[in-house]
Amino acid sequence: MTRMIVSIGLFALLGIGAALFLIQEGWAAQKETSQKVAPIVPPREGKSETIQLFNGKDLDGWEGHPELWSVLDGVIVAKNTEPIKVSTYLLTRRKFSDFRLTATVKLV
């Protein structure tokens, strides 16, 4: 009986050690990935310009479910009270083909 407990204890220690090793390797890989910077790619043709998609006042120029998307204090807000069964994207009506999008997002 004592021998079985000791061998189970060794397997438990080996399992914990392997799990810790995998977690450490995952953290190291994540740290390497998070430190990489996206390359700056120049536009294919034409001039480079900065535009604002959102005017900070209303959803003019956007398409989305009005009961889910709104503007509050100059910020686009997505809010629901029940689970949503279908995708409910907020889309701009403008068309783009070569762009770099930067955004500030807060998930609450």
PDB file of N, CA and C in Angstrom:
ATOM      1  N   MET A   1       0.821  -1.194   0.000  1.00  0.00           N
ATOM      2  CA  MET A   1       0.000   0.000   0.000  1.00  0.00           C
ATOM      3  C   MET A   1       0.864   1.256   0.000  1.00  0.00           C
ATOM      4  N   THR A   2       1.914   1.290   0.780  1.00  0.00           N
ATOM      5  CA  THR A   2       2.800   2.436   0.853  1.00  0.00           C
ATOM      6  C   THR A   2       3.478   2.671  -0.487  1.00  0.00           C
ATOM      7  N   ARG A   3       3.883   1.610  -1.156  1.00  0.00           N
ATOM      8  CA  ARG A   3       4.543   1.714  -2.437  1.00  0.00           C
ATOM      9  C   ARG A   3       3.625   2.375  -3.471  1.00  0.00           C
ATOM     10  N   MET A   4       2.325   2.025  -3.463  1.00  0.00           N
ATOM     11  CA  MET A   4       1.356   2.598  -4.399  1.00  0.00           C
ATOM     12  C   MET A   4       1.195   4.088  -4.152  1.00  0.00           C
ATOM     13  N   ILE A   5       1.125   4.503  -2.912  1.00  0.00           N
ATOM     14  CA  ILE A   5       0.970   5.912  -2.578  1.00  0.00           C
ATOM     15  C   ILE A   5       2.186   6.702  -3.041  1.00  0.00           C
ATOM     16  N   VAL A   6       3.365   6.155  -2.846  1.00  0.00           N
ATOM     17  CA  VAL A   6       4.581   6.829  -3.267  1.00  0.00           C
ATOM     18  C   VAL A   6       4.615   6.966  -4.777  1.00  0.00           C
ATOM     19  N   SER A   7       4.245   5.898  -5.520  1.00  0.00           N
ATOM     20  CA  SER A   7       4.287   5.982  -6.982  1.00  0.00           C
ATOM     21  C   SER A   7       3.221   6.944  -7.499  1.00  0.00           C
ATOM     22  N   ILE A   8       2.067   6.984  -6.882  1.00  0.00           N
ATOM     23  CA  ILE A   8       1.035   7.949  -7.277  1.00  0.00           C
ATOM     24  C   ILE A   8       1.533   9.356  -7.000  1.00  0.00           C
ATOM     25  N   GLY A   9       2.216   9.549  -5.874  1.00  0.00           N
ATOM     26  CA  GLY A   9       2.783  10.846  -5.540  1.00  0.00           C
ATOM     27  C   GLY A   9       3.806  11.281  -6.564  1.00  0.00           C
ATOM     28  N   LEU A  10       4.652  10.357  -7.039  1.00  0.00           N
ATOM     29  CA  LEU A  10       5.643  10.690  -8.058  1.00  0.00           C
ATOM     30  C   LEU A  10       4.972  11.091  -9.365  1.00  0.00           C
ATOM     31  N   PHE A  11       3.926  10.343  -9.762  1.00  0.00           N
ATOM     32  CA  PHE A  11       3.206  10.686 -10.988  1.00  0.00           C
ATOM     33  C   PHE A  11       2.537  12.059 -10.856  1.00  0.00           C
ATOM     34  N   ALA A  12       2.008  12.347  -9.690  1.00  0.00           N
ATOM     35  CA  ALA A  12       1.378  13.651  -9.464  1.00  0.00           C
ATOM     36  C   ALA A  12       2.417  14.761  -9.587  1.00  0.00           C
ATOM     37  N   LEU A  13       3.599  14.550  -8.999  1.00  0.00           N
ATOM     38  CA  LEU A  13       4.658  15.556  -9.094  1.00  0.00           C
ATOM     39  C   LEU A  13       5.123  15.735 -10.537  1.00  0.00           C
ATOM     40  N   LEU A  14       5.266  14.625 -11.266  1.00  0.00           N
ATOM     41  CA  LEU A  14       5.656  14.716 -12.671  1.00  0.00           C
ATOM     42  C   LEU A  14       4.595  15.472 -13.476  1.00  0.00           C
ATOM     43  N   GLY A  15       3.336  15.182 -13.204  1.00  0.00           N
ATOM     44  CA  GLY A  15       2.243  15.871 -13.911  1.00  0.00           C
ATOM     45  C   GLY A  15       2.235  17.357 -13.611  1.00  0.00           C
ATOM     46  N   ILE A  16       2.417  17.719 -12.359  1.00  0.00           N
ATOM     47  CA  ILE A  16       2.462  19.134 -11.978  1.00  0.00           C
ATOM     48  C   ILE A  16       3.659  19.811 -12.625  1.00  0.00           C
ATOM     49  N   GLY A  17       4.808  19.124 -12.608  1.00  0.00           N
ATOM     50  CA  GLY A  17       6.005  19.689 -13.239  1.00  0.00           C
ATOM     51  C   GLY A  17       5.798  19.914 -14.725  1.00  0.00           C
ATOM     52  N   ALA A  18       5.189  18.939 -15.410  1.00  0.00           N
ATOM     53  CA  ALA A  18       4.931  19.086 -16.854  1.00  0.00           C
ATOM     54  C   ALA A  18       3.961  20.231 -17.110  1.00  0.00           C
ATOM     55  N   ALA A  19       2.929  20.351 -16.290  1.00  0.00           N
ATOM     56  CA  ALA A  19       1.962  21.444 -16.463  1.00  0.00           C
ATOM     57  C   ALA A  19       2.625  22.795 -16.261  1.00  0.00           C
ATOM     58  N   LEU A  20       3.458  22.916 -15.241  1.00  0.00           N
ATOM     59  CA  LEU A  20       4.155  24.176 -15.003  1.00  0.00           C
ATOM     60  C   LEU A  20       5.087  24.515 -16.163  1.00  0.00           C
ATOM     61  N   PHE A  21       5.768  23.502 -16.705  1.00  0.00           N
ATOM     62  CA  PHE A  21       6.647  23.725 -17.850  1.00  0.00           C
ATOM     63  C   PHE A  21       5.857  24.244 -19.048  1.00  0.00           C
ATOM     64  N   LEU A  22       4.709  23.617 -19.334  1.00  0.00           N
ATOM     65  CA  LEU A  22       3.880  24.042 -20.468  1.00  0.00           C
ATOM     66  C   LEU A  22       3.345  25.450 -20.264  1.00  0.00           C
ATOM     67  N   ILE A  23       2.944  25.771 -19.049  1.00  0.00           N
ATOM     68  CA  ILE A  23       2.454  27.122 -18.762  1.00  0.00           C
ATOM     69  C   ILE A  23       3.571  28.136 -18.958  1.00  0.00           C
ATOM     70  N   GLN A  24       4.772  27.803 -18.462  1.00  0.00           N
ATOM     71  CA  GLN A  24       5.912  28.716 -18.609  1.00  0.00           C
ATOM     72  C   GLN A  24       6.252  28.913 -20.080  1.00  0.00           C
ATOM     73  N   GLU A  25       6.243  27.853 -20.875  1.00  0.00           N
ATOM     74  CA  GLU A  25       6.531  27.955 -22.307  1.00  0.00           C
ATOM     75  C   GLU A  25       5.464  28.794 -23.012  1.00  0.00           C
ATOM     76  N   GLY A  26       4.202  28.615 -22.617  1.00  0.00           N
ATOM     77  CA  GLY A  26       3.124  29.410 -23.194  1.00  0.00           C
ATOM     78  C   GLY A  26       3.286  30.884 -22.883  1.00  0.00           C
ATOM     79  N   TRP A  27       3.653  31.209 -21.657  1.00  0.00           N
ATOM     80  CA  TRP A  27       3.874  32.607 -21.283  1.00  0.00           C
ATOM     81  C   TRP A  27       5.042  33.202 -22.054  1.00  0.00           C
ATOM     82  N   ALA A  28       6.098  32.406 -22.229  1.00  0.00           N
ATOM     83  CA  ALA A  28       7.263  32.902 -22.970  1.00  0.00           C
ATOM     84  C   ALA A  28       6.886  33.172 -24.417  1.00  0.00           C
ATOM     85  N   ALA A  29       6.123  32.265 -25.025  1.00  0.00           N
ATOM     86  CA  ALA A  29       5.692  32.462 -26.417  1.00  0.00           C
ATOM     87  C   ALA A  29       4.778  33.674 -26.529  1.00  0.00           C
ATOM     88  N   GLN A  30       3.882  33.848 -25.556  1.00  0.00           N
ATOM     89  CA  GLN A  30       2.975  34.997 -25.583  1.00  0.00           C
ATOM     90  C   GLN A  30       3.765  36.293 -25.426  1.00  0.00           C
ATOM     91  N   LYS A  31       4.769  36.295 -24.575  1.00  0.00           N
ATOM     92  CA  LYS A  31       5.576  37.492 -24.359  1.00  0.00           C
ATOM     93  C   LYS A  31       6.314  37.859 -25.641  1.00  0.00           C
ATOM     94  N   GLU A  32       6.870  36.851 -26.340  1.00  0.00           N
ATOM     95  CA  GLU A  32       7.552  37.110 -27.605  1.00  0.00           C
ATOM     96  C   GLU A  32       6.585  37.696 -28.625  1.00  0.00           C
ATOM     97  N   THR A  33       5.385  37.129 -28.713  1.00  0.00           N
ATOM     98  CA  THR A  33       4.390  37.590 -29.680  1.00  0.00           C
ATOM     99  C   THR A  33       3.929  38.999 -29.365  1.00  0.00           C
ATOM    100  N   SER A  34       3.732  39.313 -28.078  1.00  0.00           N
ATOM    101  CA  SER A  34       3.211  40.631 -27.711  1.00  0.00           C
ATOM    102  C   SER A  34       4.236  41.730 -27.935  1.00  0.00           C
ATOM    103  N   GLN A  35       5.508  41.383 -28.033  1.00  0.00           N
ATOM    104  CA  GLN A  35       6.544  42.389 -28.225  1.00  0.00           C
ATOM    105  C   GLN A  35       6.785  42.689 -29.700  1.00  0.00           C
ATOM    106  N   LYS A  36       6.227  41.896 -30.595  1.00  0.00           N
ATOM    107  CA  LYS A  36       6.412  42.149 -32.019  1.00  0.00           C
ATOM    108  C   LYS A  36       5.562  43.348 -32.429  1.00  0.00           C
ATOM    109  N   VAL A  37       6.098  44.166 -33.303  1.00  0.00           N
ATOM    110  CA  VAL A  37       5.391  45.350 -33.769  1.00  0.00           C
ATOM    111  C   VAL A  37       4.947  45.107 -35.210  1.00  0.00           C
ATOM    112  N   ALA A  38       3.720  45.492 -35.503  1.00  0.00           N
ATOM    113  CA  ALA A  38       3.209  45.322 -36.865  1.00  0.00           C
ATOM    114  C   ALA A  38       4.020  46.179 -37.830  1.00  0.00           C
ATOM    115  N   PRO A  39       4.340  45.632 -38.980  1.00  0.00           N
ATOM    116  CA  PRO A  39       5.121  46.417 -39.945  1.00  0.00           C
ATOM    117  C   PRO A  39       4.292  47.563 -40.510  1.00  0.00           C
ATOM    118  N   ILE A  40       4.957  48.654 -40.824  1.00  0.00           N
ATOM    119  CA  ILE A  40       4.287  49.785 -41.463  1.00  0.00           C
ATOM    120  C   ILE A  40       4.340  49.549 -42.963  1.00  0.00           C
ATOM    121  N   VAL A  41       3.170  49.428 -43.555  1.00  0.00           N
ATOM    122  CA  VAL A  41       3.082  49.150 -44.983  1.00  0.00           C
ATOM    123  C   VAL A  41       2.548  50.400 -45.676  1.00  0.00           C
ATOM    124  N   PRO A  42       3.296  50.953 -46.621  1.00  0.00           N
ATOM    125  CA  PRO A  42       2.829  52.158 -47.315  1.00  0.00           C
ATOM    126  C   PRO A  42       1.632  51.849 -48.209  1.00  0.00           C
ATOM    127  N   PRO A  43       0.810  52.849 -48.533  1.00  0.00           N
ATOM    128  CA  PRO A  43      -0.331  52.621 -49.415  1.00  0.00           C
ATOM    129  C   PRO A  43       0.135  52.141 -50.783  1.00  0.00           C
ATOM    130  N   ARG A  44      -0.707  51.341 -51.442  1.00  0.00           N
ATOM    131  CA  ARG A  44      -0.356  50.812 -52.754  1.00  0.00           C
ATOM    132  C   ARG A  44      -0.269  51.906 -53.805  1.00  0.00           C
ATOM    133  N   GLU A  45      -1.197  52.830 -53.767  1.00  0.00           N
ATOM    134  CA  GLU A  45      -1.185  53.937 -54.727  1.00  0.00           C
ATOM    135  C   GLU A  45      -1.955  55.104 -54.128  1.00  0.00           C
ATOM    136  N   GLY A  46      -1.730  56.284 -54.638  1.00  0.00           N
ATOM    137  CA  GLY A  46      -2.427  57.458 -54.124  1.00  0.00           C
ATOM    138  C   GLY A  46      -1.766  57.981 -52.863  1.00  0.00           C
ATOM    139  N   LYS A  47      -2.403  58.973 -52.293  1.00  0.00           N
ATOM    140  CA  LYS A  47      -1.819  59.604 -51.112  1.00  0.00           C
ATOM    141  C   LYS A  47      -2.256  58.885 -49.838  1.00  0.00           C
ATOM    142  N   SER A  48      -1.478  59.068 -48.806  1.00  0.00           N
ATOM    143  CA  SER A  48      -1.805  58.524 -47.501  1.00  0.00           C
ATOM    144  C   SER A  48      -2.510  59.613 -46.709  1.00  0.00           C
ATOM    145  N   GLU A  49      -3.655  59.288 -46.145  1.00  0.00           N
ATOM    146  CA  GLU A  49      -4.406  60.280 -45.370  1.00  0.00           C
ATOM    147  C   GLU A  49      -5.018  59.627 -44.146  1.00  0.00           C
ATOM    148  N   THR A  50      -5.238  60.425 -43.149  1.00  0.00           N
ATOM    149  CA  THR A  50      -5.888  59.963 -41.934  1.00  0.00           C
ATOM    150  C   THR A  50      -7.315  60.490 -41.929  1.00  0.00           C
ATOM    151  N   ILE A  51      -8.259  59.595 -41.693  1.00  0.00           N
ATOM    152  CA  ILE A  51      -9.672  59.994 -41.628  1.00  0.00           C
ATOM    153  C   ILE A  51     -10.265  59.485 -40.327  1.00  0.00           C
ATOM    154  N   GLN A  52     -11.355  60.091 -39.926  1.00  0.00           N
ATOM    155  CA  GLN A  52     -12.094  59.619 -38.765  1.00  0.00           C
ATOM    156  C   GLN A  52     -13.380  58.994 -39.268  1.00  0.00           C
ATOM    157  N   LEU A  53     -13.629  57.759 -38.881  1.00  0.00           N
ATOM    158  CA  LEU A  53     -14.852  57.074 -39.288  1.00  0.00           C
ATOM    159  C   LEU A  53     -16.050  57.496 -38.450  1.00  0.00           C
ATOM    160  N   PHE A  54     -15.809  57.908 -37.234  1.00  0.00           N
ATOM    161  CA  PHE A  54     -16.876  58.231 -36.286  1.00  0.00           C
ATOM    162  C   PHE A  54     -16.807  59.705 -35.924  1.00  0.00           C
ATOM    163  N   ASN A  55     -17.951  60.398 -36.034  1.00  0.00           N
ATOM    164  CA  ASN A  55     -17.965  61.846 -35.784  1.00  0.00           C
ATOM    165  C   ASN A  55     -18.102  62.209 -34.303  1.00  0.00           C
ATOM    166  N   GLY A  56     -18.289  61.221 -33.434  1.00  0.00           N
ATOM    167  CA  GLY A  56     -18.377  61.484 -31.997  1.00  0.00           C
ATOM    168  C   GLY A  56     -19.741  61.971 -31.540  1.00  0.00           C
ATOM    169  N   LYS A  57     -20.706  62.074 -32.470  1.00  0.00           N
ATOM    170  CA  LYS A  57     -22.026  62.608 -32.113  1.00  0.00           C
ATOM    171  C   LYS A  57     -23.144  61.596 -32.313  1.00  0.00           C
ATOM    172  N   ASP A  58     -23.135  60.936 -33.480  1.00  0.00           N
ATOM    173  CA  ASP A  58     -24.203  60.001 -33.805  1.00  0.00           C
ATOM    174  C   ASP A  58     -23.654  58.916 -34.731  1.00  0.00           C
ATOM    175  N   LEU A  59     -24.516  58.012 -35.158  1.00  0.00           N
ATOM    176  CA  LEU A  59     -24.091  56.912 -36.014  1.00  0.00           C
ATOM    177  C   LEU A  59     -24.366  57.202 -37.490  1.00  0.00           C
ATOM    178  N   ASP A  60     -24.281  58.465 -37.864  1.00  0.00           N
ATOM    179  CA  ASP A  60     -24.437  58.849 -39.263  1.00  0.00           C
ATOM    180  C   ASP A  60     -23.314  58.195 -40.080  1.00  0.00           C
ATOM    181  N   GLY A  61     -23.667  57.498 -41.156  1.00  0.00           N
ATOM    182  CA  GLY A  61     -22.686  56.802 -41.976  1.00  0.00           C
ATOM    183  C   GLY A  61     -22.428  55.368 -41.533  1.00  0.00           C
ATOM    184  N   TRP A  62     -23.184  54.896 -40.581  1.00  0.00           N
ATOM    185  CA  TRP A  62     -23.023  53.538 -40.054  1.00  0.00           C
ATOM    186  C   TRP A  62     -24.316  52.746 -40.206  1.00  0.00           C
ATOM    187  N   GLU A  63     -24.198  51.433 -40.302  1.00  0.00           N
ATOM    188  CA  GLU A  63     -25.356  50.535 -40.356  1.00  0.00           C
ATOM    189  C   GLU A  63     -25.259  49.542 -39.208  1.00  0.00           C
ATOM    190  N   GLY A  64     -26.349  49.412 -38.465  1.00  0.00           N
ATOM    191  CA  GLY A  64     -26.390  48.459 -37.353  1.00  0.00           C
ATOM    192  C   GLY A  64     -27.757  48.503 -36.701  1.00  0.00           C
ATOM    193  N   HIS A  65     -28.031  47.541 -35.859  1.00  0.00           N
ATOM    194  CA  HIS A  65     -29.318  47.500 -35.155  1.00  0.00           C
ATOM    195  C   HIS A  65     -29.399  48.672 -34.181  1.00  0.00           C
ATOM    196  N   PRO A  66     -30.336  49.602 -34.403  1.00  0.00           N
ATOM    197  CA  PRO A  66     -30.419  50.788 -33.537  1.00  0.00           C
ATOM    198  C   PRO A  66     -30.736  50.460 -32.076  1.00  0.00           C
ATOM    199  N   GLU A  67     -31.358  49.315 -31.809  1.00  0.00           N
ATOM    200  CA  GLU A  67     -31.658  48.962 -30.419  1.00  0.00           C
ATOM    201  C   GLU A  67     -30.429  48.414 -29.696  1.00  0.00           C
ATOM    202  N   LEU A  68     -29.365  48.089 -30.438  1.00  0.00           N
ATOM    203  CA  LEU A  68     -28.149  47.553 -29.828  1.00  0.00           C
ATOM    204  C   LEU A  68     -26.987  48.545 -29.846  1.00  0.00           C
ATOM    205  N   TRP A  69     -26.936  49.417 -30.849  1.00  0.00           N
ATOM    206  CA  TRP A  69     -25.816  50.354 -31.020  1.00  0.00           C
ATOM    207  C   TRP A  69     -26.285  51.773 -30.776  1.00  0.00           C
ATOM    208  N   SER A  70     -25.513  52.539 -30.016  1.00  0.00           N
ATOM    209  CA  SER A  70     -25.864  53.926 -29.737  1.00  0.00           C
ATOM    210  C   SER A  70     -24.588  54.728 -29.480  1.00  0.00           C
ATOM    211  N   VAL A  71     -24.759  56.016 -29.266  1.00  0.00           N
ATOM    212  CA  VAL A  71     -23.643  56.900 -28.925  1.00  0.00           C
ATOM    213  C   VAL A  71     -23.947  57.523 -27.574  1.00  0.00           C
ATOM    214  N   LEU A  72     -22.985  57.445 -26.670  1.00  0.00           N
ATOM    215  CA  LEU A  72     -23.146  58.002 -25.337  1.00  0.00           C
ATOM    216  C   LEU A  72     -21.852  58.723 -24.974  1.00  0.00           C
ATOM    217  N   ASP A  73     -21.947  60.003 -24.694  1.00  0.00           N
ATOM    218  CA  ASP A  73     -20.780  60.823 -24.320  1.00  0.00           C
ATOM    219  C   ASP A  73     -19.649  60.718 -25.353  1.00  0.00           C
ATOM    220  N   GLY A  74     -20.009  60.733 -26.642  1.00  0.00           N
ATOM    221  CA  GLY A  74     -19.019  60.722 -27.712  1.00  0.00           C
ATOM    222  C   GLY A  74     -18.381  59.371 -27.993  1.00  0.00           C
ATOM    223  N   VAL A  75     -18.991  58.304 -27.472  1.00  0.00           N
ATOM    224  CA  VAL A  75     -18.438  56.958 -27.621  1.00  0.00           C
ATOM    225  C   VAL A  75     -19.510  56.035 -28.195  1.00  0.00           C
ATOM    226  N   ILE A  76     -19.117  55.156 -29.133  1.00  0.00           N
ATOM    227  CA  ILE A  76     -20.041  54.145 -29.646  1.00  0.00           C
ATOM    228  C   ILE A  76     -20.220  53.077 -28.570  1.00  0.00           C
ATOM    229  N   VAL A  77     -21.474  52.766 -28.267  1.00  0.00           N
ATOM    230  CA  VAL A  77     -21.788  51.808 -27.219  1.00  0.00           C
ATOM    231  C   VAL A  77     -22.621  50.674 -27.802  1.00  0.00           C
ATOM    232  N   ALA A  78     -22.226  49.440 -27.520  1.00  0.00           N
ATOM    233  CA  ALA A  78     -23.016  48.256 -27.883  1.00  0.00           C
ATOM    234  C   ALA A  78     -23.582  47.701 -26.582  1.00  0.00           C
ATOM    235  N   LYS A  79     -24.903  47.528 -26.550  1.00  0.00           N
ATOM    236  CA  LYS A  79     -25.513  47.097 -25.302  1.00  0.00           C
ATOM    237  C   LYS A  79     -26.690  46.180 -25.591  1.00  0.00           C
ATOM    238  N   ASN A  80     -26.760  45.095 -24.845  1.00  0.00           N
ATOM    239  CA  ASN A  80     -27.907  44.205 -24.956  1.00  0.00           C
ATOM    240  C   ASN A  80     -28.281  43.705 -23.568  1.00  0.00           C
ATOM    241  N   THR A  81     -29.544  43.337 -23.409  1.00  0.00           N
ATOM    242  CA  THR A  81     -30.012  42.848 -22.117  1.00  0.00           C
ATOM    243  C   THR A  81     -30.271  41.346 -22.150  1.00  0.00           C
ATOM    244  N   GLU A  82     -30.342  40.767 -23.347  1.00  0.00           N
ATOM    245  CA  GLU A  82     -30.576  39.331 -23.503  1.00  0.00           C
ATOM    246  C   GLU A  82     -29.543  38.770 -24.469  1.00  0.00           C
ATOM    247  N   PRO A  83     -29.294  37.455 -24.417  1.00  0.00           N
ATOM    248  CA  PRO A  83     -28.367  36.863 -25.386  1.00  0.00           C
ATOM    249  C   PRO A  83     -28.836  37.113 -26.823  1.00  0.00           C
ATOM    250  N   ILE A  84     -27.876  37.353 -27.703  1.00  0.00           N
ATOM    251  CA  ILE A  84     -28.192  37.638 -29.104  1.00  0.00           C
ATOM    252  C   ILE A  84     -27.981  36.371 -29.919  1.00  0.00           C
ATOM    253  N   LYS A  85     -28.950  36.017 -30.763  1.00  0.00           N
ATOM    254  CA  LYS A  85     -28.901  34.762 -31.510  1.00  0.00           C
ATOM    255  C   LYS A  85     -28.201  34.892 -32.859  1.00  0.00           C
ATOM    256  N   VAL A  86     -28.044  36.113 -33.362  1.00  0.00           N
ATOM    257  CA  VAL A  86     -27.407  36.328 -34.665  1.00  0.00           C
ATOM    258  C   VAL A  86     -26.339  37.407 -34.526  1.00  0.00           C
ATOM    259  N   SER A  87     -25.457  37.482 -35.509  1.00  0.00           N
ATOM    260  CA  SER A  87     -24.418  38.515 -35.497  1.00  0.00           C
ATOM    261  C   SER A  87     -25.051  39.887 -35.675  1.00  0.00           C
ATOM    262  N   THR A  88     -24.574  40.845 -34.934  1.00  0.00           N
ATOM    263  CA  THR A  88     -25.134  42.194 -34.981  1.00  0.00           C
ATOM    264  C   THR A  88     -24.002  43.203 -35.104  1.00  0.00           C
ATOM    265  N   TYR A  89     -23.346  43.182 -36.239  1.00  0.00           N
ATOM    266  CA  TYR A  89     -22.204  44.052 -36.477  1.00  0.00           C
ATOM    267  C   TYR A  89     -22.632  45.502 -36.677  1.00  0.00           C
ATOM    268  N   LEU A  90     -21.732  46.402 -36.380  1.00  0.00           N
ATOM    269  CA  LEU A  90     -21.885  47.810 -36.741  1.00  0.00           C
ATOM    270  C   LEU A  90     -20.919  48.039 -37.895  1.00  0.00           C
ATOM    271  N   LEU A  91     -21.446  48.422 -39.050  1.00  0.00           N
ATOM    272  CA  LEU A  91     -20.646  48.557 -40.264  1.00  0.00           C
ATOM    273  C   LEU A  91     -20.662  49.980 -40.775  1.00  0.00           C
ATOM    274  N   THR A  92     -19.529  50.431 -41.287  1.00  0.00           N
ATOM    275  CA  THR A  92     -19.495  51.724 -41.937  1.00  0.00           C
ATOM    276  C   THR A  92     -20.041  51.571 -43.361  1.00  0.00           C
ATOM    277  N   ARG A  93     -20.686  52.587 -43.862  1.00  0.00           N
ATOM    278  CA  ARG A  93     -21.203  52.544 -45.235  1.00  0.00           C
ATOM    279  C   ARG A  93     -20.110  52.844 -46.258  1.00  0.00           C
ATOM    280  N   ARG A  94     -18.982  53.351 -45.800  1.00  0.00           N
ATOM    281  CA  ARG A  94     -17.878  53.682 -46.701  1.00  0.00           C
ATOM    282  C   ARG A  94     -17.124  52.417 -47.084  1.00  0.00           C
ATOM    283  N   LYS A  95     -16.501  52.444 -48.252  1.00  0.00           N
ATOM    284  CA  LYS A  95     -15.745  51.303 -48.767  1.00  0.00           C
ATOM    285  C   LYS A  95     -14.249  51.619 -48.721  1.00  0.00           C
ATOM    286  N   PHE A  96     -13.453  50.653 -48.287  1.00  0.00           N
ATOM    287  CA  PHE A  96     -12.011  50.807 -48.199  1.00  0.00           C
ATOM    288  C   PHE A  96     -11.341  49.552 -48.740  1.00  0.00           C
ATOM    289  N   SER A  97     -10.144  49.722 -49.312  1.00  0.00           N
ATOM    290  CA  SER A  97      -9.427  48.557 -49.827  1.00  0.00           C
ATOM    291  C   SER A  97      -8.005  48.454 -49.275  1.00  0.00           C
ATOM    292  N   ASP A  98      -7.390  49.551 -48.896  1.00  0.00           N
ATOM    293  CA  ASP A  98      -6.014  49.538 -48.410  1.00  0.00           C
ATOM    294  C   ASP A  98      -5.973  50.461 -47.203  1.00  0.00           C
ATOM    295  N   PHE A  99      -6.009  49.875 -45.997  1.00  0.00           N
ATOM    296  CA  PHE A  99      -6.129  50.728 -44.821  1.00  0.00           C
ATOM    297  C   PHE A  99      -5.440  50.110 -43.623  1.00  0.00           C
ATOM    298  N   ARG A 100      -5.197  50.942 -42.656  1.00  0.00           N
ATOM    299  CA  ARG A 100      -4.717  50.527 -41.339  1.00  0.00           C
ATOM    300  C   ARG A 100      -5.677  51.124 -40.339  1.00  0.00           C
ATOM    301  N   LEU A 101      -6.332  50.295 -39.573  1.00  0.00           N
ATOM    302  CA  LEU A 101      -7.344  50.736 -38.616  1.00  0.00           C
ATOM    303  C   LEU A 101      -6.743  50.753 -37.211  1.00  0.00           C
ATOM    304  N   THR A 102      -6.896  51.892 -36.534  1.00  0.00           N
ATOM    305  CA  THR A 102      -6.515  51.971 -35.131  1.00  0.00           C
ATOM    306  C   THR A 102      -7.769  52.325 -34.337  1.00  0.00           C
ATOM    307  N   ALA A 103      -7.905  51.724 -33.181  1.00  0.00           N
ATOM    308  CA  ALA A 103      -9.101  51.949 -32.374  1.00  0.00           C
ATOM    309  C   ALA A 103      -8.767  51.802 -30.896  1.00  0.00           C
ATOM    310  N   THR A 104      -9.537  52.482 -30.066  1.00  0.00           N
ATOM    311  CA  THR A 104      -9.471  52.306 -28.628  1.00  0.00           C
ATOM    312  C   THR A 104     -10.760  51.617 -28.221  1.00  0.00           C
ATOM    313  N   VAL A 105     -10.634  50.478 -27.544  1.00  0.00           N
ATOM    314  CA  VAL A 105     -11.804  49.651 -27.226  1.00  0.00           C
ATOM    315  C   VAL A 105     -11.814  49.359 -25.731  1.00  0.00           C
ATOM    316  N   LYS A 106     -13.005  49.349 -25.155  1.00  0.00           N
ATOM    317  CA  LYS A 106     -13.158  48.990 -23.753  1.00  0.00           C
ATOM    318  C   LYS A 106     -14.257  47.960 -23.660  1.00  0.00           C
ATOM    319  N   LEU A 107     -13.945  46.794 -23.099  1.00  0.00           N
ATOM    320  CA  LEU A 107     -14.920  45.729 -22.919  1.00  0.00           C
ATOM    321  C   LEU A 107     -15.310  45.692 -21.455  1.00  0.00           C
ATOM    322  N   VAL A 108     -16.599  45.879 -21.207  1.00  0.00           N
ATOM    323  CA  VAL A 108     -17.084  45.907 -19.828  1.00  0.00           C
ATOM    324  C   VAL A 108     -17.948  44.694 -19.570  1.00  0.00           C
TER     325      VAL A 108
END
